[in-house]
Every structure is written in structure tokens, then in C-alpha cells.
C-alpha atoms as a PDB file:
ATOM      1  CA  MET A   1       6.290 -33.018  36.184  1.00  0.00           C
ATOM      2  CA  ARG A   2       6.112 -30.813  32.840  1.00  0.00           C
ATOM      3  CA  SER A   3       2.758 -29.608  33.521  1.00  0.00           C
ATOM      4  CA  ARG A   4       3.675 -28.198  35.971  1.00  0.00           C
ATOM      5  CA  TYR A   5       5.319 -25.785  34.485  1.00  0.00           C
ATOM      6  CA  LEU A   6       2.934 -25.352  30.988  1.00  0.00           C
ATOM      7  CA  LEU A   7       0.329 -24.279  32.110  1.00  0.00           C
ATOM      8  CA  PRO A   8       1.342 -21.169  34.083  1.00  0.00           C
ATOM      9  CA  PHE A   9       3.956 -19.992  31.157  1.00  0.00           C
ATOM     10  CA  GLY A  10       0.686 -20.858  28.556  1.00  0.00           C
ATOM     11  CA  SER A  11      -0.480 -18.129  31.044  1.00  0.00           C
ATOM     12  CA  LEU A  12       1.893 -15.491  30.568  1.00  0.00           C
ATOM     13  CA  CYS A  13       1.844 -15.945  27.428  1.00  0.00           C
ATOM     14  CA  VAL A  14      -1.416 -15.776  26.806  1.00  0.00           C
ATOM     15  CA  GLY A  15      -3.059 -13.052  29.186  1.00  0.00           C
ATOM     16  CA  LEU A  16       0.543 -10.448  29.255  1.00  0.00           C
ATOM     17  CA  PRO A  17      -0.017  -9.108  25.657  1.00  0.00           C
ATOM     18  CA  VAL A  18      -4.055  -8.248  26.792  1.00  0.00           C
ATOM     19  CA  LEU A  19      -1.925  -6.516  30.032  1.00  0.00           C
ATOM     20  CA  VAL A  20       0.145  -4.668  27.616  1.00  0.00           C
ATOM     21  CA  TYR A  21      -2.680  -3.226  25.164  1.00  0.00           C
ATOM     22  CA  PHE A  22      -5.583  -2.570  27.402  1.00  0.00           C
ATOM     23  CA  VAL A  23      -4.030  -1.050  31.113  1.00  0.00           C
ATOM     24  CA  PRO A  24      -2.322   2.135  29.863  1.00  0.00           C
ATOM     25  CA  ARG A  25      -5.551   2.573  27.983  1.00  0.00           C
ATOM     26  CA  LEU A  26      -7.588   2.192  31.365  1.00  0.00           C
ATOM     27  CA  LEU A  27      -5.085   4.643  33.329  1.00  0.00           C
ATOM     28  CA  VAL A  28      -5.675   7.811  30.260  1.00  0.00           C
ATOM     29  CA  GLY A  29      -9.564   7.213  30.524  1.00  0.00           C
ATOM     30  CA  GLY A  30     -10.627   4.450  28.521  1.00  0.00           C
ATOM     31  CA  ILE A  31      -9.980   3.594  24.883  1.00  0.00           C
ATOM     32  CA  ARG A  32      -8.969   6.362  22.508  1.00  0.00           C
ATOM     33  CA  SER A  33     -11.255   6.847  19.714  1.00  0.00           C
ATOM     34  CA  ASP A  34     -10.410   7.158  15.922  1.00  0.00           C
ATOM     35  CA  SER A  35     -13.072   9.682  15.292  1.00  0.00           C
ATOM     36  CA  ILE A  36     -11.438  13.466  13.771  1.00  0.00           C
ATOM     37  CA  GLY A  37     -14.123  15.411  15.557  1.00  0.00           C
ATOM     38  CA  HIS A  38     -14.329  19.162  14.985  1.00  0.00           C
ATOM     39  CA  PHE A  39     -10.282  20.497  13.810  1.00  0.00           C
ATOM     40  CA  ASP A  40     -11.525  23.792  13.573  1.00  0.00           C
ATOM     41  CA  GLY A  41      -8.999  24.455  15.816  1.00  0.00           C
ATOM     42  CA  TRP A  42      -6.159  23.199  14.356  1.00  0.00           C
ATOM     43  CA  GLU A  43      -3.061  24.038  12.908  1.00  0.00           C
ATOM     44  CA  PRO A  44      -1.703  24.553  10.189  1.00  0.00           C
ATOM     45  CA  SER A  45      -5.028  26.392   9.606  1.00  0.00           C
ATOM     46  CA  ALA A  46      -7.113  27.655   6.698  1.00  0.00           C
ATOM     47  CA  ALA A  47      -5.654  30.903   6.963  1.00  0.00           C
ATOM     48  CA  ALA A  48      -1.796  29.923   7.522  1.00  0.00           C
ATOM     49  CA  ILE A  49      -1.777  27.524   4.621  1.00  0.00           C
ATOM     50  CA  ARG A  50      -3.060  30.994   2.509  1.00  0.00           C
ATOM     51  CA  LYS A  51      -0.159  32.486   3.775  1.00  0.00           C
ATOM     52  CA  ALA A  52       2.071  30.046   2.654  1.00  0.00           C
ATOM     53  CA  VAL A  53       0.533  28.539  -0.458  1.00  0.00           C
ATOM     54  CA  VAL A  54      -0.341  32.076  -1.301  1.00  0.00           C
ATOM     55  CA  PRO A  55      -3.399  32.314  -3.875  1.00  0.00           C
ATOM     56  CA  GLY A  56      -4.040  32.922  -7.005  1.00  0.00           C
ATOM     57  CA  PRO A  57      -4.580  31.371 -10.530  1.00  0.00           C
ATOM     58  CA  ASP A  58      -4.056  27.817 -10.849  1.00  0.00           C
ATOM     59  CA  SER A  59      -1.612  25.795 -12.751  1.00  0.00           C
ATOM     60  CA  ALA A  60       0.504  22.654 -12.865  1.00  0.00           C
ATOM     61  CA  PHE A  61      -1.404  20.550 -10.265  1.00  0.00           C
ATOM     62  CA  ASN A  62       2.544  18.638  -9.560  1.00  0.00           C
ATOM     63  CA  ASP A  63       4.260  22.272  -8.797  1.00  0.00           C
ATOM     64  CA  GLN A  64       5.299  23.077  -5.623  1.00  0.00           C
ATOM     65  CA  ARG A  65       2.548  25.044  -4.671  1.00  0.00           C
ATOM     66  CA  HIS A  66       0.587  21.810  -4.524  1.00  0.00           C
ATOM     67  CA  ILE A  67       2.807  20.241  -2.969  1.00  0.00           C
ATOM     68  CA  LYS A  68       3.013  22.560  -0.090  1.00  0.00           C
ATOM     69  CA  PHE A  69      -0.793  23.162   0.436  1.00  0.00           C
ATOM     70  CA  ALA A  70      -0.987  18.854   0.473  1.00  0.00           C
ATOM     71  CA  GLN A  71       1.902  19.195   2.756  1.00  0.00           C
ATOM     72  CA  MET A  72      -0.010  21.158   5.165  1.00  0.00           C
ATOM     73  CA  PHE A  73      -3.479  20.439   4.978  1.00  0.00           C
ATOM     74  CA  GLN A  74      -2.188  16.839   6.015  1.00  0.00           C
ATOM     75  CA  GLN A  75       0.167  17.579   8.617  1.00  0.00           C
ATOM     76  CA  ARG A  76      -2.986  19.496  10.322  1.00  0.00           C
ATOM     77  CA  PHE A  77      -4.317  15.992  10.909  1.00  0.00           C
ATOM     78  CA  ARG A  78      -1.000  14.027  11.607  1.00  0.00           C
ATOM     79  CA  ASN A  79      -0.076  16.396  14.881  1.00  0.00           C
ATOM     80  CA  ASN A  80      -3.184  15.265  16.593  1.00  0.00           C
ATOM     81  CA  GLN A  81      -2.331  11.727  15.481  1.00  0.00           C
ATOM     82  CA  LYS A  82      -5.491  10.639  12.678  1.00  0.00           C
ATOM     83  CA  ALA A  83      -3.984   9.234   9.186  1.00  0.00           C
ATOM     84  CA  VAL A  84      -4.873  11.751   7.006  1.00  0.00           C
ATOM     85  CA  GLY A  85      -2.782  11.520   2.818  1.00  0.00           C
ATOM     86  CA  ILE A  86      -3.836  14.280   0.538  1.00  0.00           C
ATOM     87  CA  SER A  87      -2.697  13.976  -2.605  1.00  0.00           C
ATOM     88  CA  PHE A  88      -3.148  16.026  -6.174  1.00  0.00           C
ATOM     89  CA  VAL A  89      -3.132  12.865  -9.354  1.00  0.00           C
ATOM     90  CA  SER A  90      -4.386  15.244 -12.161  1.00  0.00           C
ATOM     91  CA  ASN A  91      -5.242  19.154 -12.804  1.00  0.00           C
ATOM     92  CA  ASP A  92      -8.993  18.450 -11.513  1.00  0.00           C
ATOM     93  CA  ARG A  93      -8.635  15.765  -8.690  1.00  0.00           C
ATOM     94  CA  ILE A  94      -7.684  15.187  -5.915  1.00  0.00           C
ATOM     95  CA  LYS A  95      -7.329  12.045  -3.533  1.00  0.00           C
ATOM     96  CA  ALA A  96      -7.950  11.794  -0.182  1.00  0.00           C
ATOM     97  CA  LYS A  97      -5.955   9.312   1.737  1.00  0.00           C
ATOM     98  CA  PHE A  98      -7.318   7.986   5.656  1.00  0.00           C
ATOM     99  CA  ALA A  99      -7.276   5.451   8.459  1.00  0.00           C
ATOM    100  CA  ALA A 100      -9.640   2.449   7.487  1.00  0.00           C
ATOM    101  CA  THR A 101     -10.540   3.557  11.074  1.00  0.00           C
ATOM    102  CA  ILE A 102     -12.453   6.871  10.700  1.00  0.00           C
ATOM    103  CA  PRO A 103     -15.624   6.747  10.296  1.00  0.00           C
ATOM    104  CA  ARG A 104     -16.924   7.848   7.137  1.00  0.00           C
ATOM    105  CA  TRP A 105     -18.663  10.894   7.849  1.00  0.00           C
ATOM    106  CA  ASP A 106     -15.673  12.268   9.153  1.00  0.00           C
ATOM    107  CA  MET A 107     -14.041  10.849   6.236  1.00  0.00           C
ATOM    108  CA  ALA A 108     -16.882  13.166   4.235  1.00  0.00           C
ATOM    109  CA  HIS A 109     -16.440  16.395   6.817  1.00  0.00           C
ATOM    110  CA  VAL A 110     -12.486  16.144   5.988  1.00  0.00           C
ATOM    111  CA  ALA A 111     -13.485  16.058   2.028  1.00  0.00           C
ATOM    112  CA  THR A 112     -15.486  19.072   1.517  1.00  0.00           C
ATOM    113  CA  GLU A 113     -13.308  21.253   3.951  1.00  0.00           C
ATOM    114  CA  LEU A 114     -10.167  20.090   1.626  1.00  0.00           C
ATOM    115  CA  HIS A 115     -12.829  20.884  -1.638  1.00  0.00           C
ATOM    116  CA  ASP A 116     -13.026  25.037  -0.029  1.00  0.00           C
ATOM    117  CA  GLU A 117     -10.292  25.542   0.773  1.00  0.00           C
ATOM    118  CA  VAL A 118      -8.376  24.028  -2.563  1.00  0.00           C
ATOM    119  CA  LYS A 119     -11.056  26.159  -4.441  1.00  0.00           C
ATOM    120  CA  SER A 120     -10.132  29.350  -2.169  1.00  0.00           C
ATOM    121  CA  VAL A 121      -6.217  28.973  -2.691  1.00  0.00           C
ATOM    122  CA  PHE A 122      -5.793  27.985  -6.720  1.00  0.00           C
ATOM    123  CA  GLY A 123      -9.624  29.183  -7.635  1.00  0.00           C
ATOM    124  CA  GLN A 124     -10.764  26.070  -9.180  1.00  0.00           C
ATOM    125  CA  GLY A 125     -12.605  22.982  -7.946  1.00  0.00           C
ATOM    126  CA  TYR A 126     -11.113  20.087  -7.585  1.00  0.00           C
ATOM    127  CA  LYS A 127     -12.948  16.543  -7.664  1.00  0.00           C
ATOM    128  CA  ILE A 128     -11.711  14.565  -4.072  1.00  0.00           C
ATOM    129  CA  ASP A 129     -11.617  10.733  -4.580  1.00  0.00           C
ATOM    130  CA  ILE A 130     -12.183   9.171  -1.010  1.00  0.00           C
ATOM    131  CA  TYR A 131     -10.105   6.227   0.099  1.00  0.00           C
ATOM    132  CA  GLU A 132      -9.510   4.084   3.160  1.00  0.00           C
ATOM    133  CA  THR A 133      -5.910   2.718   3.808  1.00  0.00           C
ATOM    134  CA  TYR A 134      -4.490  -0.319   5.226  1.00  0.00           C
ATOM    135  CA  ILE A 135      -1.327  -1.280   6.435  1.00  0.00           C
ATOM    136  CA  SER A 136      -0.936  -3.991   4.304  1.00  0.00           C
ATOM    137  CA  LEU A 137      -3.779  -3.841   1.614  1.00  0.00           C
ATOM    138  CA  THR A 138      -4.457  -2.184  -1.241  1.00  0.00           C
ATOM    139  CA  PRO A 139      -6.122   1.801  -0.776  1.00  0.00           C
ATOM    140  CA  ARG A 140      -9.871   0.988  -1.437  1.00  0.00           C
ATOM    141  CA  LYS A 141     -12.000   3.647  -3.137  1.00  0.00           C
ATOM    142  CA  LEU A 142     -14.759   4.844  -1.217  1.00  0.00           C
ATOM    143  CA  ALA A 143     -17.000   7.912  -2.438  1.00  0.00           C
ATOM    144  CA  GLU A 144     -16.146  10.890  -4.346  1.00  0.00           C
ATOM    145  CA  VAL A 145     -16.606  14.198  -3.709  1.00  0.00           C
ATOM    146  CA  ARG A 146     -17.714  17.222  -6.489  1.00  0.00           C
ATOM    147  CA  GLU A 147     -19.395  19.759  -7.009  1.00  0.00           C
ATOM    148  CA  GLY A 148     -23.265  20.322  -8.126  1.00  0.00           C
ATOM    149  CA  ALA A 149     -24.899  21.148 -11.557  1.00  0.00           C
ATOM    150  CA  GLU A 150     -25.140  24.740 -10.237  1.00  0.00           C
ATOM    151  CA  GLY A 151     -21.490  25.146  -8.347  1.00  0.00           C
ATOM    152  CA  LYS A 152     -22.508  25.722  -5.625  1.00  0.00           C
ATOM    153  CA  SER A 153     -23.504  22.385  -3.708  1.00  0.00           C
ATOM    154  CA  LEU A 154     -21.235  19.856  -2.817  1.00  0.00           C
ATOM    155  CA  VAL A 155     -22.050  16.033  -4.000  1.00  0.00           C
ATOM    156  CA  ILE A 156     -20.561  13.103  -1.693  1.00  0.00           C
ATOM    157  CA  ASP A 157     -21.337   9.696  -3.574  1.00  0.00           C
ATOM    158  CA  PHE A 158     -20.224   6.454  -0.955  1.00  0.00           C
ATOM    159  CA  ASN A 159     -20.979   4.026  -3.434  1.00  0.00           C
ATOM    160  CA  PRO A 160     -19.289   0.593  -4.191  1.00  0.00           C
ATOM    161  CA  LYS A 161     -18.835   0.899  -8.102  1.00  0.00           C
ATOM    162  CA  PHE A 162     -16.326   2.715  -7.279  1.00  0.00           C
ATOM    163  CA  GLU A 163     -14.220  -0.512  -6.119  1.00  0.00           C
ATOM    164  CA  SER A 164     -14.133  -1.828  -9.287  1.00  0.00           C
ATOM    165  CA  GLU A 165     -12.599   1.107 -10.911  1.00  0.00           C
ATOM    166  CA  PRO A 166      -8.813   1.487 -12.448  1.00  0.00           C
ATOM    167  CA  PRO A 167      -6.734   3.368  -9.886  1.00  0.00           C
ATOM    168  CA  VAL A 168      -5.532   6.781 -11.197  1.00  0.00           C
ATOM    169  CA  ILE A 169      -2.059   6.804 -12.500  1.00  0.00           C
ATOM    170  CA  ASN A 170      -0.112   9.605 -11.382  1.00  0.00           C
ATOM    171  CA  GLN A 171       1.719  11.755 -14.548  1.00  0.00           C
ATOM    172  CA  ASP A 172       4.548  12.084 -12.469  1.00  0.00           C
ATOM    173  CA  VAL A 173       5.343   8.519 -13.099  1.00  0.00           C
ATOM    174  CA  LEU A 174       4.734   7.955 -16.304  1.00  0.00           C
ATOM    175  CA  PRO A 175       8.207   8.214 -18.094  1.00  0.00           C
ATOM    176  CA  ALA A 176       9.893   6.433 -15.278  1.00  0.00           C
ATOM    177  CA  VAL A 177       7.000   3.521 -15.752  1.00  0.00           C
ATOM    178  CA  SER A 178       7.682   4.337 -19.395  1.00  0.00           C
ATOM    179  CA  LEU A 179      11.302   3.760 -18.965  1.00  0.00           C
ATOM    180  CA  PHE A 180      10.768   0.851 -17.401  1.00  0.00           C
ATOM    181  CA  ALA A 181       8.406  -0.899 -20.167  1.00  0.00           C
ATOM    182  CA  PHE A 182      10.953  -0.006 -22.834  1.00  0.00           C
ATOM    183  CA  VAL A 183      13.900  -1.973 -20.898  1.00  0.00           C
ATOM    184  CA  SER A 184      11.726  -4.998 -20.369  1.00  0.00           C
ATOM    185  CA  TYR A 185      11.032  -4.971 -24.042  1.00  0.00           C
ATOM    186  CA  ILE A 186      14.302  -4.896 -25.010  1.00  0.00           C
ATOM    187  CA  SER A 187      16.354  -7.000 -22.401  1.00  0.00           C
ATOM    188  CA  PRO A 188      15.527 -10.298 -23.826  1.00  0.00           C
ATOM    189  CA  THR A 189      18.212  -9.112 -26.740  1.00  0.00           C
ATOM    190  CA  LEU A 190      20.108  -7.795 -24.163  1.00  0.00           C
ATOM    191  CA  TYR A 191      21.049 -10.525 -21.941  1.00  0.00           C
ATOM    192  CA  PRO A 192      18.250 -13.605 -20.868  1.00  0.00           C
ATOM    193  CA  SER A 193      15.450 -12.958 -18.499  1.00  0.00           C
ATOM    194  CA  PRO A 194      15.715 -13.944 -14.921  1.00  0.00           C
ATOM    195  CA  MET A 195      12.412 -15.283 -16.453  1.00  0.00           C
ATOM    196  CA  SER A 196      12.726 -17.545 -19.551  1.00  0.00           C
ATOM    197  CA  TRP A 197      16.229 -18.821 -16.966  1.00  0.00           C
ATOM    198  CA  PHE A 198      14.100 -20.286 -14.773  1.00  0.00           C
ATOM    199  CA  ALA A 199      11.656 -21.557 -17.188  1.00  0.00           C
ATOM    200  CA  THR A 200      14.725 -23.087 -19.246  1.00  0.00           C
ATOM    201  CA  ALA A 201      15.812 -24.536 -15.300  1.00  0.00           C
ATOM    202  CA  GLU A 202      12.546 -25.856 -14.735  1.00  0.00           C
ATOM    203  CA  ARG A 203      12.068 -27.507 -18.470  1.00  0.00           C
ATOM    204  CA  GLY A 204      15.901 -28.738 -18.459  1.00  0.00           C
ATOM    205  CA  ALA A 205      14.831 -30.514 -14.957  1.00  0.00           C
ATOM    206  CA  ARG A 206      11.462 -32.068 -16.215  1.00  0.00           C
ATOM    207  CA  ARG A 207      13.735 -33.829 -18.822  1.00  0.00           C
ATOM    208  CA  ALA A 208      16.265 -34.826 -16.995  1.00  0.00           C
ATOM    209  CA  PRO A 209      16.050 -38.776 -16.827  1.00  0.00           C
ATOM    210  CA  THR A 210      14.676 -39.862 -13.402  1.00  0.00           C
ATOM    211  CA  LYS A 211      16.511 -43.670 -14.079  1.00  0.00           C
ATOM    212  CA  PRO A 212      20.338 -44.546 -13.414  1.00  0.00           C
ATOM    213  CA  TYR A 213      22.350 -43.997 -16.859  1.00  0.00           C
ATOM    214  CA  GLY A 214      19.504 -42.585 -18.540  1.00  0.00           C
ATOM    215  CA  HIS A 215      16.797 -44.669 -19.413  1.00  0.00           C
ATOM    216  CA  ARG A 216      19.174 -48.464 -20.306  1.00  0.00           C
ATOM    217  CA  ARG A 217      19.429 -50.441 -17.442  1.00  0.00           C
ATOM    218  CA  PRO A 218      22.657 -50.842 -16.443  1.00  0.00           C
ATOM    219  CA  ALA A 219      24.776 -54.348 -16.883  1.00  0.00           C
ATOM    220  CA  LEU A 220      24.642 -56.627 -14.744  1.00  0.00           C
ATOM    221  CA  ILE A 221      28.234 -56.723 -13.900  1.00  0.00           C
ATOM    222  CA  ALA A 222      29.410 -59.937 -12.549  1.00  0.00           C
ATOM    223  CA  PRO A 223      32.338 -59.740  -9.453  1.00  0.00           C
ATOM    224  CA  PRO A 224      35.604 -61.417 -10.036  1.00  0.00           C
ATOM    225  CA  THR A 225      35.580 -64.855  -8.851  1.00  0.00           C
ATOM    226  CA  SER A 226      38.660 -65.930  -6.583  1.00  0.00           C
ATOM    227  CA  GLN A 227      40.428 -69.082  -7.832  1.00  0.00           C
ATOM    228  CA  PRO A 228      42.303 -70.928  -5.107  1.00  0.00           C
ATOM    229  CA  ALA A 229      45.580 -71.522  -5.140  1.00  0.00           C
ATOM    230  CA  VAL A 230      47.037 -74.304  -6.406  1.00  0.00           C
ATOM    231  CA  ASN A 231      50.044 -75.928  -4.777  1.00  0.00           C
ATOM    232  CA  ALA A 232      52.775 -77.573  -6.548  1.00  0.00           C
ATOM    233  CA  PRO A 233      53.507 -80.851  -5.448  1.00  0.00           C
END
């Protein structure tokens, strides 16, 4: 009797997610590609960014001009549902982050455009690190974009060796990291460390006696015997 209902219910559980995924895409003419393609007409344009940031000599990479540029440049793609992120990480380096589903030639295209627009605004050519990002994994570095020896051409290097490089630390977070390291260093003198507390508790649990009454065998106590009452004559 139960098998008569189990098969339709199992088919519904499997088929419903498939229908929910494919039917809307078939109605709009197929599954949309994650490629970026040409983005010359997307807003905000390069001219709009130049007007908002105001071209001039380069300054600190974490000032408001650099933050404004990064926000407007990445908004150009996010307005068109393309997962692209831009951040300045030092005075000569930019981190460009892309969804892993975006083709690499699109990553290179966006990175070269980013290099040219940054140079036109700040008057300096930046090195660009290209990363592919995932929802629950650490971003993976794929390539570097840098100017050639003569300063007129760009070199785009996709190389597996970048995966083994240490991550670039944003200098903005260094004070917070230093404070955390200092507090972690002096914390044992102020209050017990949670890790030390758990380690002590674990050692105490291992040393706890496994037999009743310690390691001594409990004494055998005979139950009291009841003597029958003797009636006096």
C-alpha cells in the first residue's frame, strides 16, 4: 500500500526542481550565457567615471577618489547582472574579481579596459590581479595584467603558478590585524584562553577514573541477615 504512494511522491520530488529550473529559461528563449561580450554602451561610462572622480595625479590608493572609481567601474557590470568586483589593494596593484562562470577572455577584456581607464584618471599604470571567485571557497588567482617593458603594450599572463602565491593583504586592515594579534598575545595574562580551557578539560576527562571508587575495587558488603524471632515459652 505504501509503495503505491511512494513512487509518485519520489517522482514529484525529483521532477519539480527540474521544471522550476528549466521552464522559465525555455520561456525566455534559452539559458542565458554568463559571458560579458561588448560593454561599450554600459553605464556608468568611462566619461561619467572621469567626470565623477576628476582626473589628476595619483594619491593614496584608499582615498575617496580610488574608492569612487572602483565602485562606479564595477557598477557598470553589476547593473547588467555580471559578477565583477574591483578593489585597490596597494599603490600599484588592483584586484579584479570575477565569477568563475565568466569566460577568461572576458576577464582579460575587462582587465585591459580597467587598466586603460585607471591610467587615464590617475596618470599611473596599475598591475591588475585577476581572480575567479566562488560562493563558499577562497578566490583563486588566475592571471596578472601589467605593462610591457616599453610601457605601451599590455602583458596578460594566465599561469597556474599564481595559485601558490600568498594573498595580497590590504593595508587598511593591518591596524585591526595588529590589534587582534596584540590582544591574543596578552590574553593569557588577563583571562584563560578558551583553547587552553578546553585542553585542560580534555586532559581532566582523560585522567578521570574509569572504575567506580577510583582504581580500588569496592568492598563487598554482605546484606544484613534477619534472625527469626524466637517466642518466649
